[in-house]
Structures are given as structure tokens and as C-alpha cells.
């Protein structure tokens, strides 16, 4: 019975990671496009920076939940700063969740 609850929580963390990371990635790309659209002579506005920051925050939270789904520390969420290298790093982490189906 205890293992079934743990399995449900792991699946929930995995689902939350996708719900946060995908919009975060979209916002990061949108922020980069908005920043790239300005002229060199003018300053970058607050909106593109805010969009990029929100996207980065969502990506960090998504990475954190994915690490928790694998039984790891939330601190692994900062791998989001590594971009696709962070995705590769987290995907290769060994699962320590205790779920026999996720080893």
C-alpha cells in the first residue's frame, strides 16, 4: 500500500514537471525573440525581460519536479540554466524513487 502511494506521487511530480517546463520553454523562446527584435540603439523593454524571466522560472520549477519524480533533490532544478544540456543531464540521472517500474 505504501509503495502505491509513492508511485502516485512520482507520477504526479512527473506530470507537474511537464506542465511547468513546456510553457516555460515557450516563454523563454518568446522572450528571446522579443529581445532580438529590438534595435541596437534602443534599450530592451521590460516586457521581453519579464517574459524570459517567467519562462526561466517555470523551467527551473519543471526541472525541480522532474528531479523529485526521480527521487532526487529539488536543487537539480537549477540544471535549467544549462539549457538542453540540463535536459540531457536530468534524463540520465538514475531513478532513486523506489518505484520498481522506474528503475
PDB file of N, CA and C in Angstrom:
ATOM      1  N   UNK A   1       0.824  -1.190   0.000  1.00  0.00           N
ATOM      2  CA  UNK A   1       0.000   0.000   0.000  1.00  0.00           C
ATOM      3  C   UNK A   1       0.867   1.251   0.000  1.00  0.00           C
ATOM      4  N   UNK A   2       1.938   1.279   0.809  1.00  0.00           N
ATOM      5  CA  UNK A   2       2.801   2.444   0.853  1.00  0.00           C
ATOM      6  C   UNK A   2       3.485   2.703  -0.487  1.00  0.00           C
ATOM      7  N   UNK A   3       3.850   1.627  -1.192  1.00  0.00           N
ATOM      8  CA  UNK A   3       4.509   1.767  -2.484  1.00  0.00           C
ATOM      9  C   UNK A   3       3.571   2.350  -3.530  1.00  0.00           C
ATOM     10  N   UNK A   4       2.275   2.027  -3.439  1.00  0.00           N
ATOM     11  CA  UNK A   4       1.312   2.563  -4.392  1.00  0.00           C
ATOM     12  C   UNK A   4       1.172   4.067  -4.229  1.00  0.00           C
ATOM     13  N   UNK A   5       1.183   4.551  -2.982  1.00  0.00           N
ATOM     14  CA  UNK A   5       1.107   5.988  -2.762  1.00  0.00           C
ATOM     15  C   UNK A   5       2.345   6.672  -3.318  1.00  0.00           C
ATOM     16  N   UNK A   6       3.501   6.091  -3.090  1.00  0.00           N
ATOM     17  CA  UNK A   6       4.744   6.691  -3.572  1.00  0.00           C
ATOM     18  C   UNK A   6       4.754   6.736  -5.093  1.00  0.00           C
ATOM     19  N   UNK A   7       4.251   5.670  -5.733  1.00  0.00           N
ATOM     20  CA  UNK A   7       4.191   5.635  -7.185  1.00  0.00           C
ATOM     21  C   UNK A   7       3.292   6.743  -7.701  1.00  0.00           C
ATOM     22  N   UNK A   8       2.135   6.979  -7.033  1.00  0.00           N
ATOM     23  CA  UNK A   8       1.224   8.037  -7.449  1.00  0.00           C
ATOM     24  C   UNK A   8       1.865   9.402  -7.326  1.00  0.00           C
ATOM     25  N   UNK A   9       2.614   9.621  -6.251  1.00  0.00           N
ATOM     26  CA  UNK A   9       3.277  10.909  -6.073  1.00  0.00           C
ATOM     27  C   UNK A   9       4.344  11.122  -7.131  1.00  0.00           C
ATOM     28  N   UNK A  10       5.055  10.088  -7.488  1.00  0.00           N
ATOM     29  CA  UNK A  10       6.094  10.205  -8.504  1.00  0.00           C
ATOM     30  C   UNK A  10       5.463  10.558  -9.841  1.00  0.00           C
ATOM     31  N   UNK A  11       4.386   9.909 -10.180  1.00  0.00           N
ATOM     32  CA  UNK A  11       3.698  10.203 -11.431  1.00  0.00           C
ATOM     33  C   UNK A  11       3.172  11.633 -11.419  1.00  0.00           C
ATOM     34  N   UNK A  12       2.686  12.073 -10.258  1.00  0.00           N
ATOM     35  CA  UNK A  12       2.175  13.439 -10.141  1.00  0.00           C
ATOM     36  C   UNK A  12       3.309  14.441 -10.354  1.00  0.00           C
ATOM     37  N   UNK A  13       4.465  14.189  -9.762  1.00  0.00           N
ATOM     38  CA  UNK A  13       5.607  15.079  -9.952  1.00  0.00           C
ATOM     39  C   UNK A  13       6.048  15.119 -11.420  1.00  0.00           C
ATOM     40  N   UNK A  14       6.025  13.975 -12.065  1.00  0.00           N
ATOM     41  CA  UNK A  14       6.396  13.913 -13.473  1.00  0.00           C
ATOM     42  C   UNK A  14       5.416  14.726 -14.321  1.00  0.00           C
ATOM     43  N   UNK A  15       4.119  14.596 -14.042  1.00  0.00           N
ATOM     44  CA  UNK A  15       3.114  15.367 -14.776  1.00  0.00           C
ATOM     45  C   UNK A  15       3.270  16.863 -14.518  1.00  0.00           C
ATOM     46  N   UNK A  16       3.530  17.234 -13.260  1.00  0.00           N
ATOM     47  CA  UNK A  16       3.747  18.644 -12.948  1.00  0.00           C
ATOM     48  C   UNK A  16       4.980  19.190 -13.651  1.00  0.00           C
ATOM     49  N   UNK A  17       5.999  18.366 -13.783  1.00  0.00           N
ATOM     50  CA  UNK A  17       7.213  18.831 -14.461  1.00  0.00           C
ATOM     51  C   UNK A  17       6.917  19.194 -15.912  1.00  0.00           C
ATOM     52  N   UNK A  18       6.114  18.391 -16.573  1.00  0.00           N
ATOM     53  CA  UNK A  18       5.753  18.698 -17.961  1.00  0.00           C
ATOM     54  C   UNK A  18       4.854  19.926 -18.048  1.00  0.00           C
ATOM     55  N   UNK A  19       3.915  20.045 -17.120  1.00  0.00           N
ATOM     56  CA  UNK A  19       3.002  21.194 -17.120  1.00  0.00           C
ATOM     57  C   UNK A  19       3.731  22.515 -16.873  1.00  0.00           C
ATOM     58  N   UNK A  20       4.852  22.471 -16.213  1.00  0.00           N
ATOM     59  CA  UNK A  20       5.622  23.687 -15.949  1.00  0.00           C
ATOM     60  C   UNK A  20       6.722  23.913 -16.983  1.00  0.00           C
ATOM     61  N   UNK A  21       7.399  22.852 -17.389  1.00  0.00           N
ATOM     62  CA  UNK A  21       8.548  23.014 -18.276  1.00  0.00           C
ATOM     63  C   UNK A  21       8.147  23.440 -19.685  1.00  0.00           C
ATOM     64  N   UNK A  22       7.113  22.844 -20.242  1.00  0.00           N
ATOM     65  CA  UNK A  22       6.732  23.159 -21.630  1.00  0.00           C
ATOM     66  C   UNK A  22       6.329  24.625 -21.787  1.00  0.00           C
ATOM     67  N   UNK A  23       5.426  25.168 -20.936  1.00  0.00           N
ATOM     68  CA  UNK A  23       5.144  26.608 -21.066  1.00  0.00           C
ATOM     69  C   UNK A  23       6.378  27.467 -20.768  1.00  0.00           C
ATOM     70  N   UNK A  24       7.226  27.011 -19.859  1.00  0.00           N
ATOM     71  CA  UNK A  24       8.447  27.746 -19.563  1.00  0.00           C
ATOM     72  C   UNK A  24       9.352  27.832 -20.773  1.00  0.00           C
ATOM     73  N   UNK A  25       9.486  26.728 -21.488  1.00  0.00           N
ATOM     74  CA  UNK A  25      10.298  26.712 -22.697  1.00  0.00           C
ATOM     75  C   UNK A  25       9.715  27.645 -23.754  1.00  0.00           C
ATOM     76  N   UNK A  26       8.401  27.625 -23.921  1.00  0.00           N
ATOM     77  CA  UNK A  26       7.739  28.507 -24.892  1.00  0.00           C
ATOM     78  C   UNK A  26       7.972  29.969 -24.525  1.00  0.00           C
ATOM     79  N   UNK A  27       7.837  30.296 -23.236  1.00  0.00           N
ATOM     80  CA  UNK A  27       8.060  31.674 -22.805  1.00  0.00           C
ATOM     81  C   UNK A  27       9.517  32.099 -22.979  1.00  0.00           C
ATOM     82  N   UNK A  28      10.441  31.187 -22.745  1.00  0.00           N
ATOM     83  CA  UNK A  28      11.854  31.516 -22.947  1.00  0.00           C
ATOM     84  C   UNK A  28      12.132  31.831 -24.415  1.00  0.00           C
ATOM     85  N   UNK A  29      11.599  31.027 -25.302  1.00  0.00           N
ATOM     86  CA  UNK A  29      11.796  31.269 -26.734  1.00  0.00           C
ATOM     87  C   UNK A  29      11.150  32.593 -27.137  1.00  0.00           C
ATOM     88  N   UNK A  30       9.926  32.842 -26.647  1.00  0.00           N
ATOM     89  CA  UNK A  30       9.235  34.095 -26.965  1.00  0.00           C
ATOM     90  C   UNK A  30      10.023  35.295 -26.437  1.00  0.00           C
ATOM     91  N   UNK A  31      10.556  35.187 -25.241  1.00  0.00           N
ATOM     92  CA  UNK A  31      11.353  36.272 -24.680  1.00  0.00           C
ATOM     93  C   UNK A  31      12.606  36.539 -25.495  1.00  0.00           C
ATOM     94  N   UNK A  32      13.262  35.483 -25.935  1.00  0.00           N
ATOM     95  CA  UNK A  32      14.459  35.649 -26.767  1.00  0.00           C
ATOM     96  C   UNK A  32      14.121  36.297 -28.108  1.00  0.00           C
ATOM     97  N   UNK A  33      12.997  35.900 -28.693  1.00  0.00           N
ATOM     98  CA  UNK A  33      12.566  36.507 -29.962  1.00  0.00           C
ATOM     99  C   UNK A  33      12.253  37.980 -29.760  1.00  0.00           C
ATOM    100  N   UNK A  34      11.552  38.310 -28.675  1.00  0.00           N
ATOM    101  CA  UNK A  34      11.225  39.710 -28.400  1.00  0.00           C
ATOM    102  C   UNK A  34      12.472  40.545 -28.139  1.00  0.00           C
ATOM    103  N   UNK A  35      13.429  39.988 -27.447  1.00  0.00           N
ATOM    104  CA  UNK A  35      14.681  40.705 -27.192  1.00  0.00           C
ATOM    105  C   UNK A  35      15.450  40.896 -28.495  1.00  0.00           C
ATOM    106  N   UNK A  36      15.428  39.914 -29.360  1.00  0.00           N
ATOM    107  CA  UNK A  36      16.142  40.002 -30.630  1.00  0.00           C
ATOM    108  C   UNK A  36      15.512  40.963 -31.615  1.00  0.00           C
ATOM    109  N   UNK A  37      14.245  41.330 -31.415  1.00  0.00           N
ATOM    110  CA  UNK A  37      13.543  42.218 -32.343  1.00  0.00           C
ATOM    111  C   UNK A  37      13.823  43.696 -32.123  1.00  0.00           C
ATOM    112  N   UNK A  38      14.505  44.067 -31.064  1.00  0.00           N
ATOM    113  CA  UNK A  38      14.727  45.498 -30.806  1.00  0.00           C
ATOM    114  C   UNK A  38      15.957  46.002 -31.558  1.00  0.00           C
ATOM    115  N   UNK A  39      15.992  47.305 -31.785  1.00  0.00           N
ATOM    116  CA  UNK A  39      17.150  47.928 -32.434  1.00  0.00           C
ATOM    117  C   UNK A  39      18.297  48.024 -31.441  1.00  0.00           C
ATOM    118  N   UNK A  40      19.509  48.040 -31.943  1.00  0.00           N
ATOM    119  CA  UNK A  40      20.677  48.139 -31.077  1.00  0.00           C
ATOM    120  C   UNK A  40      20.726  49.474 -30.341  1.00  0.00           C
ATOM    121  N   UNK A  41      20.170  50.519 -30.948  1.00  0.00           N
ATOM    122  CA  UNK A  41      20.237  51.856 -30.347  1.00  0.00           C
ATOM    123  C   UNK A  41      19.282  52.016 -29.168  1.00  0.00           C
ATOM    124  N   UNK A  42      18.214  51.245 -29.137  1.00  0.00           N
ATOM    125  CA  UNK A  42      17.237  51.400 -28.055  1.00  0.00           C
ATOM    126  C   UNK A  42      17.403  50.304 -27.002  1.00  0.00           C
ATOM    127  N   UNK A  43      16.975  50.620 -25.816  1.00  0.00           N
ATOM    128  CA  UNK A  43      17.075  49.660 -24.707  1.00  0.00           C
ATOM    129  C   UNK A  43      15.997  48.588 -24.838  1.00  0.00           C
ATOM    130  N   UNK A  44      16.285  47.431 -24.316  1.00  0.00           N
ATOM    131  CA  UNK A  44      15.302  46.347 -24.305  1.00  0.00           C
ATOM    132  C   UNK A  44      14.231  46.701 -23.278  1.00  0.00           C
ATOM    133  N   UNK A  45      12.983  46.536 -23.661  1.00  0.00           N
ATOM    134  CA  UNK A  45      11.878  46.857 -22.768  1.00  0.00           C
ATOM    135  C   UNK A  45      11.745  45.866 -21.625  1.00  0.00           C
ATOM    136  N   UNK A  46      10.853  46.199 -20.711  1.00  0.00           N
ATOM    137  CA  UNK A  46      10.636  45.358 -19.532  1.00  0.00           C
ATOM    138  C   UNK A  46       9.849  44.096 -19.872  1.00  0.00           C
ATOM    139  N   UNK A  47       8.993  44.162 -20.879  1.00  0.00           N
ATOM    140  CA  UNK A  47       8.143  43.011 -21.208  1.00  0.00           C
ATOM    141  C   UNK A  47       8.963  41.818 -21.699  1.00  0.00           C
ATOM    142  N   UNK A  48       9.885  41.979 -22.660  1.00  0.00           N
ATOM    143  CA  UNK A  48      10.672  40.813 -23.082  1.00  0.00           C
ATOM    144  C   UNK A  48      11.496  40.200 -21.951  1.00  0.00           C
ATOM    145  N   UNK A  49      12.032  41.043 -21.102  1.00  0.00           N
ATOM    146  CA  UNK A  49      12.819  40.536 -19.982  1.00  0.00           C
ATOM    147  C   UNK A  49      11.922  39.788 -18.991  1.00  0.00           C
ATOM    148  N   UNK A  50      10.729  40.315 -18.747  1.00  0.00           N
ATOM    149  CA  UNK A  50       9.794  39.647 -17.837  1.00  0.00           C
ATOM    150  C   UNK A  50       9.334  38.310 -18.404  1.00  0.00           C
ATOM    151  N   UNK A  51       9.078  38.264 -19.708  1.00  0.00           N
ATOM    152  CA  UNK A  51       8.662  37.007 -20.348  1.00  0.00           C
ATOM    153  C   UNK A  51       9.778  35.974 -20.245  1.00  0.00           C
ATOM    154  N   UNK A  52      11.001  36.393 -20.513  1.00  0.00           N
ATOM    155  CA  UNK A  52      12.146  35.483 -20.417  1.00  0.00           C
ATOM    156  C   UNK A  52      12.356  35.009 -18.980  1.00  0.00           C
ATOM    157  N   UNK A  53      12.213  35.919 -18.010  1.00  0.00           N
ATOM    158  CA  UNK A  53      12.396  35.553 -16.598  1.00  0.00           C
ATOM    159  C   UNK A  53      11.314  34.580 -16.140  1.00  0.00           C
ATOM    160  N   UNK A  54      10.071  34.818 -16.541  1.00  0.00           N
ATOM    161  CA  UNK A  54       8.979  33.902 -16.170  1.00  0.00           C
ATOM    162  C   UNK A  54       9.195  32.525 -16.783  1.00  0.00           C
ATOM    163  N   UNK A  55       9.642  32.503 -18.029  1.00  0.00           N
ATOM    164  CA  UNK A  55       9.935  31.227 -18.682  1.00  0.00           C
ATOM    165  C   UNK A  55      11.044  30.470 -17.986  1.00  0.00           C
ATOM    166  N   UNK A  56      12.073  31.183 -17.577  1.00  0.00           N
ATOM    167  CA  UNK A  56      13.183  30.552 -16.865  1.00  0.00           C
ATOM    168  C   UNK A  56      12.727  30.009 -15.517  1.00  0.00           C
ATOM    169  N   UNK A  57      11.906  30.772 -14.809  1.00  0.00           N
ATOM    170  CA  UNK A  57      11.388  30.311 -13.520  1.00  0.00           C
ATOM    171  C   UNK A  57      10.540  29.056 -13.679  1.00  0.00           C
ATOM    172  N   UNK A  58       9.673  29.037 -14.685  1.00  0.00           N
ATOM    173  CA  UNK A  58       8.856  27.850 -14.929  1.00  0.00           C
ATOM    174  C   UNK A  58       9.721  26.643 -15.305  1.00  0.00           C
ATOM    175  N   UNK A  59      10.771  26.873 -16.087  1.00  0.00           N
ATOM    176  CA  UNK A  59      11.669  25.776 -16.464  1.00  0.00           C
ATOM    177  C   UNK A  59      12.391  25.222 -15.235  1.00  0.00           C
ATOM    178  N   UNK A  60      12.840  26.105 -14.350  1.00  0.00           N
ATOM    179  CA  UNK A  60      13.503  25.654 -13.123  1.00  0.00           C
ATOM    180  C   UNK A  60      12.541  24.828 -12.274  1.00  0.00           C
ATOM    181  N   UNK A  61      11.307  25.290 -12.135  1.00  0.00           N
ATOM    182  CA  UNK A  61      10.312  24.535 -11.360  1.00  0.00           C
ATOM    183  C   UNK A  61      10.013  23.188 -12.012  1.00  0.00           C
ATOM    184  N   UNK A  62       9.902  23.178 -13.334  1.00  0.00           N
ATOM    185  CA  UNK A  62       9.667  21.923 -14.046  1.00  0.00           C
ATOM    186  C   UNK A  62      10.802  20.936 -13.857  1.00  0.00           C
ATOM    187  N   UNK A  63      12.033  21.423 -13.954  1.00  0.00           N
ATOM    188  CA  UNK A  63      13.197  20.566 -13.720  1.00  0.00           C
ATOM    189  C   UNK A  63      13.202  20.058 -12.281  1.00  0.00           C
ATOM    190  N   UNK A  64      12.820  20.912 -11.340  1.00  0.00           N
ATOM    191  CA  UNK A  64      12.795  20.507  -9.927  1.00  0.00           C
ATOM    192  C   UNK A  64      11.807  19.374  -9.701  1.00  0.00           C
ATOM    193  N   UNK A  65      10.617  19.496 -10.282  1.00  0.00           N
ATOM    194  CA  UNK A  65       9.630  18.428 -10.127  1.00  0.00           C
ATOM    195  C   UNK A  65      10.074  17.145 -10.812  1.00  0.00           C
ATOM    196  N   UNK A  66      10.763  17.259 -11.932  1.00  0.00           N
ATOM    197  CA  UNK A  66      11.259  16.061 -12.596  1.00  0.00           C
ATOM    198  C   UNK A  66      12.312  15.367 -11.733  1.00  0.00           C
ATOM    199  N   UNK A  67      13.176  16.152 -11.115  1.00  0.00           N
ATOM    200  CA  UNK A  67      14.176  15.571 -10.218  1.00  0.00           C
ATOM    201  C   UNK A  67      13.496  14.895  -9.030  1.00  0.00           C
ATOM    202  N   UNK A  68      12.459  15.525  -8.487  1.00  0.00           N
ATOM    203  CA  UNK A  68      11.727  14.922  -7.369  1.00  0.00           C
ATOM    204  C   UNK A  68      11.035  13.631  -7.808  1.00  0.00           C
ATOM    205  N   UNK A  69      10.565  13.581  -9.045  1.00  0.00           N
ATOM    206  CA  UNK A  69       9.937  12.361  -9.562  1.00  0.00           C
ATOM    207  C   UNK A  69      10.940  11.218  -9.620  1.00  0.00           C
ATOM    208  N   UNK A  70      12.208  11.540  -9.779  1.00  0.00           N
ATOM    209  CA  UNK A  70      13.259  10.528  -9.784  1.00  0.00           C
ATOM    210  C   UNK A  70      13.850  10.299  -8.397  1.00  0.00           C
ATOM    211  N   UNK A  71      13.254  10.900  -7.376  1.00  0.00           N
ATOM    212  CA  UNK A  71      13.741  10.712  -6.018  1.00  0.00           C
ATOM    213  C   UNK A  71      14.964  11.538  -5.706  1.00  0.00           C
ATOM    214  N   UNK A  72      15.177  12.617  -6.419  1.00  0.00           N
ATOM    215  CA  UNK A  72      16.348  13.474  -6.239  1.00  0.00           C
ATOM    216  C   UNK A  72      15.962  14.788  -5.583  1.00  0.00           C
ATOM    217  N   UNK A  73      16.945  15.582  -5.244  1.00  0.00           N
ATOM    218  CA  UNK A  73      16.745  16.871  -4.601  1.00  0.00           C
ATOM    219  C   UNK A  73      16.174  17.893  -5.587  1.00  0.00           C
ATOM    220  N   UNK A  74      15.406  18.840  -5.041  1.00  0.00           N
ATOM    221  CA  UNK A  74      14.880  19.925  -5.874  1.00  0.00           C
ATOM    222  C   UNK A  74      15.985  20.797  -6.457  1.00  0.00           C
ATOM    223  N   UNK A  75      17.134  20.790  -5.837  1.00  0.00           N
ATOM    224  CA  UNK A  75      18.255  21.615  -6.293  1.00  0.00           C
ATOM    225  C   UNK A  75      18.663  21.276  -7.730  1.00  0.00           C
ATOM    226  N   UNK A  76      18.335  20.081  -8.188  1.00  0.00           N
ATOM    227  CA  UNK A  76      18.633  19.712  -9.573  1.00  0.00           C
ATOM    228  C   UNK A  76      17.872  20.599 -10.559  1.00  0.00           C
ATOM    229  N   UNK A  77      16.876  21.330 -10.074  1.00  0.00           N
ATOM    230  CA  UNK A  77      16.125  22.233 -10.946  1.00  0.00           C
ATOM    231  C   UNK A  77      16.988  23.309 -11.567  1.00  0.00           C
ATOM    232  N   UNK A  78      18.089  23.649 -10.905  1.00  0.00           N
ATOM    233  CA  UNK A  78      18.968  24.674 -11.452  1.00  0.00           C
ATOM    234  C   UNK A  78      19.720  24.198 -12.688  1.00  0.00           C
ATOM    235  N   UNK A  79      19.561  22.939 -13.043  1.00  0.00           N
ATOM    236  CA  UNK A  79      20.115  22.447 -14.308  1.00  0.00           C
ATOM    237  C   UNK A  79      19.418  23.111 -15.486  1.00  0.00           C
ATOM    238  N   UNK A  80      18.289  23.778 -15.231  1.00  0.00           N
ATOM    239  CA  UNK A  80      17.582  24.505 -16.289  1.00  0.00           C
ATOM    240  C   UNK A  80      18.455  25.606 -16.881  1.00  0.00           C
ATOM    241  N   UNK A  81      19.401  26.114 -16.109  1.00  0.00           N
ATOM    242  CA  UNK A  81      20.302  27.134 -16.625  1.00  0.00           C
ATOM    243  C   UNK A  81      21.256  26.583 -17.680  1.00  0.00           C
ATOM    244  N   UNK A  82      21.358  25.276 -17.761  1.00  0.00           N
ATOM    245  CA  UNK A  82      22.234  24.654 -18.747  1.00  0.00           C
ATOM    246  C   UNK A  82      21.547  24.391 -20.081  1.00  0.00           C
ATOM    247  N   UNK A  83      20.271  24.715 -20.179  1.00  0.00           N
ATOM    248  CA  UNK A  83      19.518  24.526 -21.422  1.00  0.00           C
ATOM    249  C   UNK A  83      19.338  23.051 -21.747  1.00  0.00           C
ATOM    250  N   UNK A  84      19.590  22.710 -23.003  1.00  0.00           N
ATOM    251  CA  UNK A  84      19.395  21.326 -23.439  1.00  0.00           C
ATOM    252  C   UNK A  84      20.382  20.375 -22.768  1.00  0.00           C
ATOM    253  N   UNK A  85      21.543  20.884 -22.381  1.00  0.00           N
ATOM    254  CA  UNK A  85      22.493  20.064 -21.636  1.00  0.00           C
ATOM    255  C   UNK A  85      21.892  19.669 -20.281  1.00  0.00           C
ATOM    256  N   UNK A  86      21.129  20.570 -19.674  1.00  0.00           N
ATOM    257  CA  UNK A  86      20.444  20.260 -18.422  1.00  0.00           C
ATOM    258  C   UNK A  86      19.383  19.189 -18.602  1.00  0.00           C
ATOM    259  N   UNK A  87      18.664  19.239 -19.720  1.00  0.00           N
ATOM    260  CA  UNK A  87      17.667  18.203 -20.026  1.00  0.00           C
ATOM    261  C   UNK A  87      18.354  16.851 -20.147  1.00  0.00           C
ATOM    262  N   UNK A  88      19.470  16.825 -20.858  1.00  0.00           N
ATOM    263  CA  UNK A  88      20.227  15.579 -21.018  1.00  0.00           C
ATOM    264  C   UNK A  88      20.746  15.079 -19.677  1.00  0.00           C
ATOM    265  N   UNK A  89      21.237  15.984 -18.864  1.00  0.00           N
ATOM    266  CA  UNK A  89      21.759  15.611 -17.549  1.00  0.00           C
ATOM    267  C   UNK A  89      20.666  14.998 -16.674  1.00  0.00           C
ATOM    268  N   UNK A  90      19.515  15.647 -16.612  1.00  0.00           N
ATOM    269  CA  UNK A  90      18.433  15.119 -15.778  1.00  0.00           C
ATOM    270  C   UNK A  90      17.882  13.806 -16.309  1.00  0.00           C
ATOM    271  N   UNK A  91      17.835  13.664 -17.617  1.00  0.00           N
ATOM    272  CA  UNK A  91      17.288  12.427 -18.178  1.00  0.00           C
ATOM    273  C   UNK A  91      18.197  11.230 -17.913  1.00  0.00           C
ATOM    274  N   UNK A  92      19.492  11.476 -17.686  1.00  0.00           N
ATOM    275  CA  UNK A  92      20.412  10.368 -17.444  1.00  0.00           C
ATOM    276  C   UNK A  92      20.585  10.048 -15.953  1.00  0.00           C
ATOM    277  N   UNK A  93      19.969  10.852 -15.076  1.00  0.00           N
ATOM    278  CA  UNK A  93      20.073  10.564 -13.644  1.00  0.00           C
ATOM    279  C   UNK A  93      19.399   9.235 -13.319  1.00  0.00           C
ATOM    280  N   UNK A  94      20.036   8.467 -12.463  1.00  0.00           N
ATOM    281  CA  UNK A  94      19.446   7.205 -12.034  1.00  0.00           C
ATOM    282  C   UNK A  94      18.255   7.491 -11.126  1.00  0.00           C
ATOM    283  N   UNK A  95      17.213   6.711 -11.295  1.00  0.00           N
ATOM    284  CA  UNK A  95      15.995   6.882 -10.517  1.00  0.00           C
ATOM    285  C   UNK A  95      16.184   6.309  -9.119  1.00  0.00           C
ATOM    286  N   UNK A  96      15.998   7.140  -8.106  1.00  0.00           N
ATOM    287  CA  UNK A  96      16.103   6.711  -6.713  1.00  0.00           C
ATOM    288  C   UNK A  96      14.759   6.779  -6.005  1.00  0.00           C
ATOM    289  N   UNK A  97      13.687   6.748  -6.751  1.00  0.00           N
ATOM    290  CA  UNK A  97      12.364   6.950  -6.186  1.00  0.00           C
ATOM    291  C   UNK A  97      11.860   5.734  -5.415  1.00  0.00           C
ATOM    292  N   UNK A  98      12.411   4.583  -5.671  1.00  0.00           N
ATOM    293  CA  UNK A  98      11.935   3.382  -5.006  1.00  0.00           C
ATOM    294  C   UNK A  98      10.809   2.700  -5.776  1.00  0.00           C
ATOM    295  N   UNK A  99      10.406   3.277  -6.885  1.00  0.00           N
ATOM    296  CA  UNK A  99       9.361   2.683  -7.711  1.00  0.00           C
ATOM    297  C   UNK A  99       9.983   1.598  -8.577  1.00  0.00           C
ATOM    298  N   UNK A 100       9.557   0.325  -8.450  1.00  0.00           N
ATOM    299  CA  UNK A 100      10.199  -0.753  -9.196  1.00  0.00           C
ATOM    300  C   UNK A 100      10.009  -0.642 -10.707  1.00  0.00           C
ATOM    301  N   UNK A 101       9.047   0.136 -11.166  1.00  0.00           N
ATOM    302  CA  UNK A 101       8.797   0.262 -12.608  1.00  0.00           C
ATOM    303  C   UNK A 101       9.634   1.375 -13.230  1.00  0.00           C
ATOM    304  N   UNK A 102      10.263   2.211 -12.433  1.00  0.00           N
ATOM    305  CA  UNK A 102      11.018   3.342 -12.951  1.00  0.00           C
ATOM    306  C   UNK A 102      12.522   3.188 -12.797  1.00  0.00           C
ATOM    307  N   UNK A 103      13.041   1.995 -12.597  1.00  0.00           N
ATOM    308  CA  UNK A 103      14.476   1.846 -12.399  1.00  0.00           C
ATOM    309  C   UNK A 103      15.215   1.699 -13.699  1.00  0.00           C
TER     310      UNK A 103
END
